[in-house]
Amino acid sequence: MSQRAPHEPESASDLIDARIRELGDWRGETLARVRALVRRADPEVVEEWKWRKASNPGTPVWSHDGMICTGETYKSVVKMTFAKGASLEDPSGLFNSSLEGNVRRAIDFHEGDQIDEEALVALVRSAVALNRSGSA
């Protein structure tokens, strides 16, 4: 097992792992599940950590040929925001937030919600295909 030098920054994957542990409740479990589903949908996904500042520890971001989605955590919701969600077909009706925008769409997961795993995997795959096509 290699040791990271003290001056080396943590990887995005390490920061996401830490965030999941830090939450330590249903939000951490939900974020971990969403992350696993994104990785299942696209094994080549790139994990990033963006928008870190004094007032915000940062946000997990999953990308492939452009941003796919984010995994934001709030007090009562875990929010997956799809960067080009308005351009995606959503036959299962997963999008339940940010519906009024012209570009993004989001899925809010509340405590106790069941995740439609197959529909979410399909939605992530559609987002990757859209990024690859260069559309929207």
N, C-alpha and C. Protein backbone atom coordinates (compact mmCIF):
# COMPACT_ATOMS: atom_id res chain seq x y z
N MET A 1 0.84 -1.18 0.00
CA MET A 1 0.00 0.00 0.00
C MET A 1 0.89 1.24 0.00
N SER A 2 0.68 2.15 -0.94
CA SER A 2 1.54 3.33 -1.01
C SER A 2 1.01 4.41 -0.08
N GLN A 3 1.95 5.16 0.44
CA GLN A 3 1.61 6.26 1.33
C GLN A 3 1.69 7.56 0.54
N ARG A 4 0.76 8.44 0.73
CA ARG A 4 0.76 9.73 0.05
C ARG A 4 1.70 10.66 0.81
N ALA A 5 2.50 11.40 0.08
CA ALA A 5 3.37 12.39 0.71
C ALA A 5 2.49 13.46 1.35
N PRO A 6 2.96 14.06 2.46
CA PRO A 6 2.12 15.04 3.17
C PRO A 6 1.68 16.22 2.31
N HIS A 7 2.46 16.60 1.30
CA HIS A 7 2.11 17.75 0.48
C HIS A 7 1.21 17.40 -0.70
N GLU A 8 1.00 16.11 -0.96
CA GLU A 8 0.15 15.71 -2.07
C GLU A 8 -1.32 15.95 -1.72
N PRO A 9 -2.06 16.56 -2.64
CA PRO A 9 -3.49 16.76 -2.37
C PRO A 9 -4.23 15.43 -2.43
N GLU A 10 -5.34 15.39 -1.72
CA GLU A 10 -6.18 14.20 -1.78
C GLU A 10 -6.84 14.11 -3.15
N SER A 11 -7.06 12.90 -3.60
CA SER A 11 -7.76 12.73 -4.88
C SER A 11 -9.25 13.02 -4.67
N ALA A 12 -9.93 13.25 -5.77
CA ALA A 12 -11.38 13.47 -5.70
C ALA A 12 -12.07 12.26 -5.09
N SER A 13 -11.61 11.06 -5.47
CA SER A 13 -12.22 9.84 -4.92
C SER A 13 -12.03 9.78 -3.41
N ASP A 14 -10.86 10.18 -2.93
CA ASP A 14 -10.61 10.21 -1.48
C ASP A 14 -11.53 11.21 -0.79
N LEU A 15 -11.74 12.36 -1.43
CA LEU A 15 -12.61 13.39 -0.84
C LEU A 15 -14.06 12.92 -0.79
N ILE A 16 -14.49 12.19 -1.82
CA ILE A 16 -15.85 11.65 -1.83
C ILE A 16 -15.98 10.59 -0.74
N ASP A 17 -14.99 9.71 -0.63
CA ASP A 17 -14.99 8.71 0.46
C ASP A 17 -15.12 9.40 1.81
N ALA A 18 -14.33 10.45 2.01
CA ALA A 18 -14.34 11.18 3.28
C ALA A 18 -15.70 11.82 3.54
N ARG A 19 -16.31 12.38 2.51
CA ARG A 19 -17.62 13.01 2.67
C ARG A 19 -18.67 11.98 3.08
N ILE A 20 -18.63 10.81 2.46
CA ILE A 20 -19.57 9.74 2.81
C ILE A 20 -19.40 9.36 4.28
N ARG A 21 -18.15 9.18 4.71
CA ARG A 21 -17.88 8.84 6.12
C ARG A 21 -18.32 9.96 7.06
N GLU A 22 -18.03 11.20 6.68
CA GLU A 22 -18.36 12.36 7.50
C GLU A 22 -19.86 12.49 7.72
N LEU A 23 -20.64 12.22 6.69
CA LEU A 23 -22.09 12.32 6.83
C LEU A 23 -22.60 11.29 7.84
N GLY A 24 -22.15 10.06 7.70
CA GLY A 24 -22.44 9.02 8.68
C GLY A 24 -23.91 8.72 8.94
N ASP A 25 -24.78 9.05 8.01
CA ASP A 25 -26.20 8.77 8.20
C ASP A 25 -26.80 8.36 6.85
N TRP A 26 -28.10 8.46 6.71
CA TRP A 26 -28.76 8.04 5.48
C TRP A 26 -28.24 8.80 4.27
N ARG A 27 -27.80 10.06 4.48
CA ARG A 27 -27.28 10.85 3.36
C ARG A 27 -25.98 10.26 2.84
N GLY A 28 -25.12 9.82 3.74
CA GLY A 28 -23.89 9.16 3.33
C GLY A 28 -24.16 7.86 2.60
N GLU A 29 -25.11 7.09 3.12
CA GLU A 29 -25.49 5.83 2.47
C GLU A 29 -26.06 6.08 1.08
N THR A 30 -26.88 7.12 0.96
CA THR A 30 -27.49 7.45 -0.33
C THR A 30 -26.43 7.94 -1.31
N LEU A 31 -25.54 8.80 -0.85
CA LEU A 31 -24.47 9.28 -1.72
C LEU A 31 -23.59 8.12 -2.19
N ALA A 32 -23.28 7.19 -1.28
CA ALA A 32 -22.48 6.02 -1.65
C ALA A 32 -23.20 5.17 -2.68
N ARG A 33 -24.51 5.01 -2.53
CA ARG A 33 -25.29 4.19 -3.46
C ARG A 33 -25.37 4.85 -4.84
N VAL A 34 -25.61 6.16 -4.85
CA VAL A 34 -25.66 6.91 -6.10
C VAL A 34 -24.31 6.81 -6.81
N ARG A 35 -23.24 6.98 -6.06
CA ARG A 35 -21.89 6.88 -6.62
C ARG A 35 -21.67 5.50 -7.25
N ALA A 36 -22.05 4.45 -6.55
CA ALA A 36 -21.88 3.09 -7.07
C ALA A 36 -22.67 2.90 -8.36
N LEU A 37 -23.86 3.47 -8.42
CA LEU A 37 -24.68 3.34 -9.62
C LEU A 37 -24.09 4.12 -10.80
N VAL A 38 -23.54 5.29 -10.53
CA VAL A 38 -22.88 6.07 -11.58
C VAL A 38 -21.70 5.26 -12.13
N ARG A 39 -20.92 4.68 -11.23
CA ARG A 39 -19.77 3.88 -11.65
C ARG A 39 -20.20 2.62 -12.41
N ARG A 40 -21.31 2.04 -12.00
CA ARG A 40 -21.83 0.86 -12.71
C ARG A 40 -22.29 1.25 -14.12
N ALA A 41 -22.92 2.40 -14.23
CA ALA A 41 -23.41 2.87 -15.52
C ALA A 41 -22.26 3.20 -16.47
N ASP A 42 -21.18 3.72 -15.91
CA ASP A 42 -20.04 4.14 -16.73
C ASP A 42 -18.74 3.84 -15.99
N PRO A 43 -18.16 2.67 -16.21
CA PRO A 43 -16.92 2.31 -15.54
C PRO A 43 -15.75 3.27 -15.83
N GLU A 44 -15.88 4.07 -16.89
CA GLU A 44 -14.82 5.02 -17.24
C GLU A 44 -15.08 6.42 -16.68
N VAL A 45 -16.08 6.55 -15.83
CA VAL A 45 -16.41 7.86 -15.27
C VAL A 45 -15.21 8.43 -14.51
N VAL A 46 -15.09 9.76 -14.56
CA VAL A 46 -14.04 10.46 -13.84
C VAL A 46 -14.70 11.15 -12.65
N GLU A 47 -14.15 10.90 -11.46
CA GLU A 47 -14.65 11.57 -10.26
C GLU A 47 -13.86 12.85 -10.06
N GLU A 48 -14.60 13.91 -9.77
CA GLU A 48 -13.98 15.21 -9.52
C GLU A 48 -14.56 15.78 -8.23
N TRP A 49 -13.88 16.78 -7.68
CA TRP A 49 -14.35 17.49 -6.49
C TRP A 49 -14.26 18.96 -6.83
N LYS A 50 -15.39 19.64 -6.94
CA LYS A 50 -15.40 21.03 -7.41
C LYS A 50 -16.07 21.97 -6.41
N TRP A 51 -15.83 23.23 -6.66
CA TRP A 51 -16.47 24.35 -5.94
C TRP A 51 -16.14 24.35 -4.45
N ARG A 52 -14.90 24.05 -4.13
CA ARG A 52 -14.44 24.06 -2.73
C ARG A 52 -14.07 25.48 -2.36
N LYS A 53 -14.61 25.95 -1.24
CA LYS A 53 -14.28 27.28 -0.72
C LYS A 53 -14.54 27.29 0.78
N ALA A 54 -14.25 28.37 1.43
CA ALA A 54 -14.36 28.44 2.90
C ALA A 54 -15.76 28.09 3.39
N SER A 55 -16.78 28.52 2.67
CA SER A 55 -18.16 28.29 3.10
C SER A 55 -18.74 26.97 2.61
N ASN A 56 -17.98 26.23 1.79
CA ASN A 56 -18.49 25.00 1.19
C ASN A 56 -17.32 24.02 1.04
N PRO A 57 -17.45 22.80 1.60
CA PRO A 57 -16.34 21.86 1.50
C PRO A 57 -16.12 21.33 0.08
N GLY A 58 -17.08 21.56 -0.80
CA GLY A 58 -16.97 21.09 -2.18
C GLY A 58 -18.07 20.11 -2.51
N THR A 59 -18.09 19.71 -3.77
CA THR A 59 -19.17 18.87 -4.29
C THR A 59 -18.60 17.76 -5.16
N PRO A 60 -19.05 16.52 -4.96
CA PRO A 60 -18.66 15.45 -5.87
C PRO A 60 -19.27 15.69 -7.25
N VAL A 61 -18.45 15.44 -8.27
CA VAL A 61 -18.88 15.60 -9.66
C VAL A 61 -18.42 14.37 -10.43
N TRP A 62 -19.30 13.86 -11.28
CA TRP A 62 -18.95 12.74 -12.15
C TRP A 62 -18.99 13.23 -13.59
N SER A 63 -17.90 12.94 -14.33
CA SER A 63 -17.77 13.43 -15.69
C SER A 63 -17.31 12.33 -16.65
N HIS A 64 -17.69 12.50 -17.89
CA HIS A 64 -17.19 11.69 -19.00
C HIS A 64 -17.46 12.49 -20.26
N ASP A 65 -16.40 13.00 -20.86
CA ASP A 65 -16.53 13.90 -22.02
C ASP A 65 -17.40 15.11 -21.67
N GLY A 66 -17.27 15.57 -20.45
CA GLY A 66 -18.07 16.67 -19.92
C GLY A 66 -18.78 16.22 -18.66
N MET A 67 -19.34 17.17 -17.94
CA MET A 67 -20.01 16.85 -16.68
C MET A 67 -21.26 16.01 -16.91
N ILE A 68 -21.40 14.95 -16.12
CA ILE A 68 -22.62 14.13 -16.14
C ILE A 68 -23.56 14.67 -15.06
N CYS A 69 -23.08 14.60 -13.80
CA CYS A 69 -23.94 15.03 -12.70
C CYS A 69 -23.11 15.32 -11.46
N THR A 70 -23.77 15.94 -10.49
CA THR A 70 -23.16 16.22 -9.19
C THR A 70 -23.90 15.40 -8.13
N GLY A 71 -23.29 15.31 -6.96
CA GLY A 71 -23.90 14.64 -5.82
C GLY A 71 -23.86 15.54 -4.60
N GLU A 72 -24.79 16.45 -4.52
CA GLU A 72 -24.82 17.41 -3.43
C GLU A 72 -25.57 16.84 -2.23
N THR A 73 -25.13 17.21 -1.04
CA THR A 73 -25.81 16.76 0.18
C THR A 73 -26.24 17.97 1.00
N TYR A 74 -27.47 17.91 1.44
CA TYR A 74 -28.05 18.96 2.27
C TYR A 74 -28.64 18.31 3.51
N LYS A 75 -29.21 19.10 4.38
CA LYS A 75 -29.73 18.58 5.64
C LYS A 75 -30.80 17.50 5.43
N SER A 76 -31.69 17.72 4.48
CA SER A 76 -32.81 16.78 4.31
C SER A 76 -32.89 16.14 2.94
N VAL A 77 -31.84 16.30 2.12
CA VAL A 77 -31.90 15.75 0.76
C VAL A 77 -30.49 15.48 0.23
N VAL A 78 -30.40 14.44 -0.59
CA VAL A 78 -29.22 14.22 -1.43
C VAL A 78 -29.70 14.52 -2.84
N LYS A 79 -29.02 15.45 -3.49
CA LYS A 79 -29.47 15.95 -4.80
C LYS A 79 -28.46 15.54 -5.88
N MET A 80 -28.97 14.87 -6.90
CA MET A 80 -28.18 14.57 -8.10
C MET A 80 -28.63 15.54 -9.17
N THR A 81 -27.74 16.45 -9.54
CA THR A 81 -28.07 17.41 -10.58
C THR A 81 -27.36 17.01 -11.87
N PHE A 82 -28.14 16.80 -12.91
CA PHE A 82 -27.61 16.42 -14.21
C PHE A 82 -27.38 17.69 -15.02
N ALA A 83 -26.13 17.88 -15.46
CA ALA A 83 -25.73 19.11 -16.14
C ALA A 83 -26.58 19.41 -17.37
N LYS A 84 -26.94 18.38 -18.13
CA LYS A 84 -27.74 18.56 -19.34
C LYS A 84 -29.07 17.82 -19.22
N GLY A 85 -29.60 17.78 -18.02
CA GLY A 85 -30.80 17.01 -17.74
C GLY A 85 -32.01 17.36 -18.58
N ALA A 86 -32.15 18.64 -18.94
CA ALA A 86 -33.31 19.05 -19.74
C ALA A 86 -33.29 18.43 -21.13
N SER A 87 -32.12 17.97 -21.56
CA SER A 87 -32.00 17.36 -22.89
C SER A 87 -32.10 15.84 -22.85
N LEU A 88 -32.31 15.29 -21.67
CA LEU A 88 -32.37 13.84 -21.53
C LEU A 88 -33.81 13.33 -21.48
N GLU A 89 -34.05 12.19 -22.10
CA GLU A 89 -35.33 11.51 -21.94
C GLU A 89 -35.36 10.93 -20.53
N ASP A 90 -36.49 11.02 -19.87
CA ASP A 90 -36.64 10.51 -18.50
C ASP A 90 -37.93 9.69 -18.42
N PRO A 91 -37.95 8.54 -19.12
CA PRO A 91 -39.20 7.77 -19.18
C PRO A 91 -39.68 7.26 -17.83
N SER A 92 -38.79 7.11 -16.87
CA SER A 92 -39.18 6.62 -15.54
C SER A 92 -39.58 7.75 -14.60
N GLY A 93 -39.44 8.98 -15.05
CA GLY A 93 -39.84 10.13 -14.22
C GLY A 93 -38.98 10.32 -12.99
N LEU A 94 -37.68 10.10 -13.12
CA LEU A 94 -36.78 10.28 -11.98
C LEU A 94 -36.61 11.74 -11.59
N PHE A 95 -36.55 12.62 -12.58
CA PHE A 95 -36.34 14.04 -12.26
C PHE A 95 -37.52 14.57 -11.47
N ASN A 96 -37.22 15.16 -10.31
CA ASN A 96 -38.27 15.69 -9.45
C ASN A 96 -37.91 17.06 -8.88
N SER A 97 -36.84 17.66 -9.42
CA SER A 97 -36.38 18.94 -8.90
C SER A 97 -35.70 19.72 -10.04
N SER A 98 -35.68 21.03 -9.91
CA SER A 98 -35.08 21.91 -10.92
C SER A 98 -35.72 21.69 -12.29
N LEU A 99 -37.00 21.47 -12.29
CA LEU A 99 -37.72 21.15 -13.53
C LEU A 99 -37.99 22.37 -14.40
N GLU A 100 -37.86 23.56 -13.83
CA GLU A 100 -38.21 24.76 -14.57
C GLU A 100 -37.06 25.30 -15.42
N GLY A 101 -35.85 24.79 -15.21
CA GLY A 101 -34.69 25.29 -15.94
C GLY A 101 -34.63 24.80 -17.37
N ASN A 102 -33.82 25.49 -18.17
CA ASN A 102 -33.67 25.14 -19.57
C ASN A 102 -32.54 24.13 -19.80
N VAL A 103 -31.70 23.91 -18.81
CA VAL A 103 -30.52 23.06 -19.01
C VAL A 103 -30.47 21.91 -18.01
N ARG A 104 -30.43 22.23 -16.73
CA ARG A 104 -30.25 21.20 -15.69
C ARG A 104 -31.58 20.59 -15.25
N ARG A 105 -31.46 19.39 -14.71
CA ARG A 105 -32.57 18.72 -14.02
C ARG A 105 -31.95 17.98 -12.85
N ALA A 106 -32.73 17.77 -11.80
CA ALA A 106 -32.19 17.13 -10.61
C ALA A 106 -33.14 16.06 -10.07
N ILE A 107 -32.55 15.19 -9.28
CA ILE A 107 -33.30 14.18 -8.55
C ILE A 107 -33.00 14.41 -7.08
N ASP A 108 -34.03 14.68 -6.30
CA ASP A 108 -33.88 14.82 -4.85
C ASP A 108 -34.24 13.50 -4.19
N PHE A 109 -33.29 12.97 -3.42
CA PHE A 109 -33.53 11.76 -2.64
C PHE A 109 -33.70 12.17 -1.18
N HIS A 110 -34.83 11.74 -0.59
CA HIS A 110 -35.10 12.02 0.82
C HIS A 110 -34.90 10.74 1.63
N GLU A 111 -34.77 10.90 2.93
CA GLU A 111 -34.60 9.74 3.80
C GLU A 111 -35.73 8.74 3.56
N GLY A 112 -35.37 7.49 3.36
CA GLY A 112 -36.36 6.44 3.16
C GLY A 112 -36.75 6.20 1.71
N ASP A 113 -36.34 7.09 0.81
CA ASP A 113 -36.66 6.90 -0.60
C ASP A 113 -35.97 5.66 -1.15
N GLN A 114 -36.67 4.95 -2.01
CA GLN A 114 -36.08 3.84 -2.74
C GLN A 114 -35.53 4.38 -4.06
N ILE A 115 -34.35 3.92 -4.44
CA ILE A 115 -33.76 4.35 -5.70
C ILE A 115 -34.11 3.32 -6.78
N ASP A 116 -34.67 3.80 -7.87
CA ASP A 116 -34.93 2.93 -9.02
C ASP A 116 -33.58 2.79 -9.74
N GLU A 117 -32.85 1.75 -9.33
CA GLU A 117 -31.46 1.60 -9.77
C GLU A 117 -31.33 1.45 -11.28
N GLU A 118 -32.16 0.63 -11.89
CA GLU A 118 -32.05 0.42 -13.33
C GLU A 118 -32.36 1.70 -14.10
N ALA A 119 -33.35 2.44 -13.65
CA ALA A 119 -33.70 3.70 -14.32
C ALA A 119 -32.58 4.72 -14.15
N LEU A 120 -31.96 4.76 -12.97
CA LEU A 120 -30.87 5.71 -12.74
C LEU A 120 -29.65 5.35 -13.58
N VAL A 121 -29.32 4.09 -13.66
CA VAL A 121 -28.21 3.64 -14.51
C VAL A 121 -28.48 4.03 -15.96
N ALA A 122 -29.70 3.82 -16.43
CA ALA A 122 -30.06 4.18 -17.81
C ALA A 122 -29.94 5.69 -18.03
N LEU A 123 -30.34 6.48 -17.03
CA LEU A 123 -30.27 7.93 -17.15
C LEU A 123 -28.81 8.40 -17.23
N VAL A 124 -27.95 7.82 -16.40
CA VAL A 124 -26.53 8.17 -16.43
C VAL A 124 -25.94 7.80 -17.80
N ARG A 125 -26.28 6.62 -18.29
CA ARG A 125 -25.77 6.20 -19.61
C ARG A 125 -26.25 7.15 -20.71
N SER A 126 -27.47 7.63 -20.60
CA SER A 126 -27.99 8.59 -21.58
C SER A 126 -27.21 9.91 -21.50
N ALA A 127 -26.87 10.33 -20.28
CA ALA A 127 -26.10 11.56 -20.10
C ALA A 127 -24.71 11.43 -20.72
N VAL A 128 -24.08 10.27 -20.55
CA VAL A 128 -22.77 10.03 -21.14
C VAL A 128 -22.89 10.06 -22.67
N ALA A 129 -23.90 9.37 -23.20
CA ALA A 129 -24.10 9.35 -24.66
C ALA A 129 -24.31 10.76 -25.20
N LEU A 130 -25.06 11.58 -24.47
CA LEU A 130 -25.28 12.96 -24.89
C LEU A 130 -23.96 13.74 -24.90
N ASN A 131 -23.15 13.55 -23.86
CA ASN A 131 -21.85 14.23 -23.82
C ASN A 131 -20.98 13.81 -25.01
N ARG A 132 -20.98 12.53 -25.30
CA ARG A 132 -20.15 12.00 -26.40
C ARG A 132 -20.62 12.51 -27.76
N SER A 133 -21.91 12.76 -27.87
CA SER A 133 -22.45 13.21 -29.16
C SER A 133 -22.14 14.68 -29.42
N GLY A 134 -21.79 15.40 -28.36
CA GLY A 134 -21.49 16.81 -28.50
C GLY A 134 -22.73 17.68 -28.62
N SER A 135 -23.92 17.09 -28.42
CA SER A 135 -25.17 17.83 -28.51
C SER A 135 -25.49 18.55 -27.21
N ALA A 136 -26.46 19.44 -27.32
CA ALA A 136 -26.98 20.20 -26.17
C ALA A 136 -25.89 21.03 -25.64
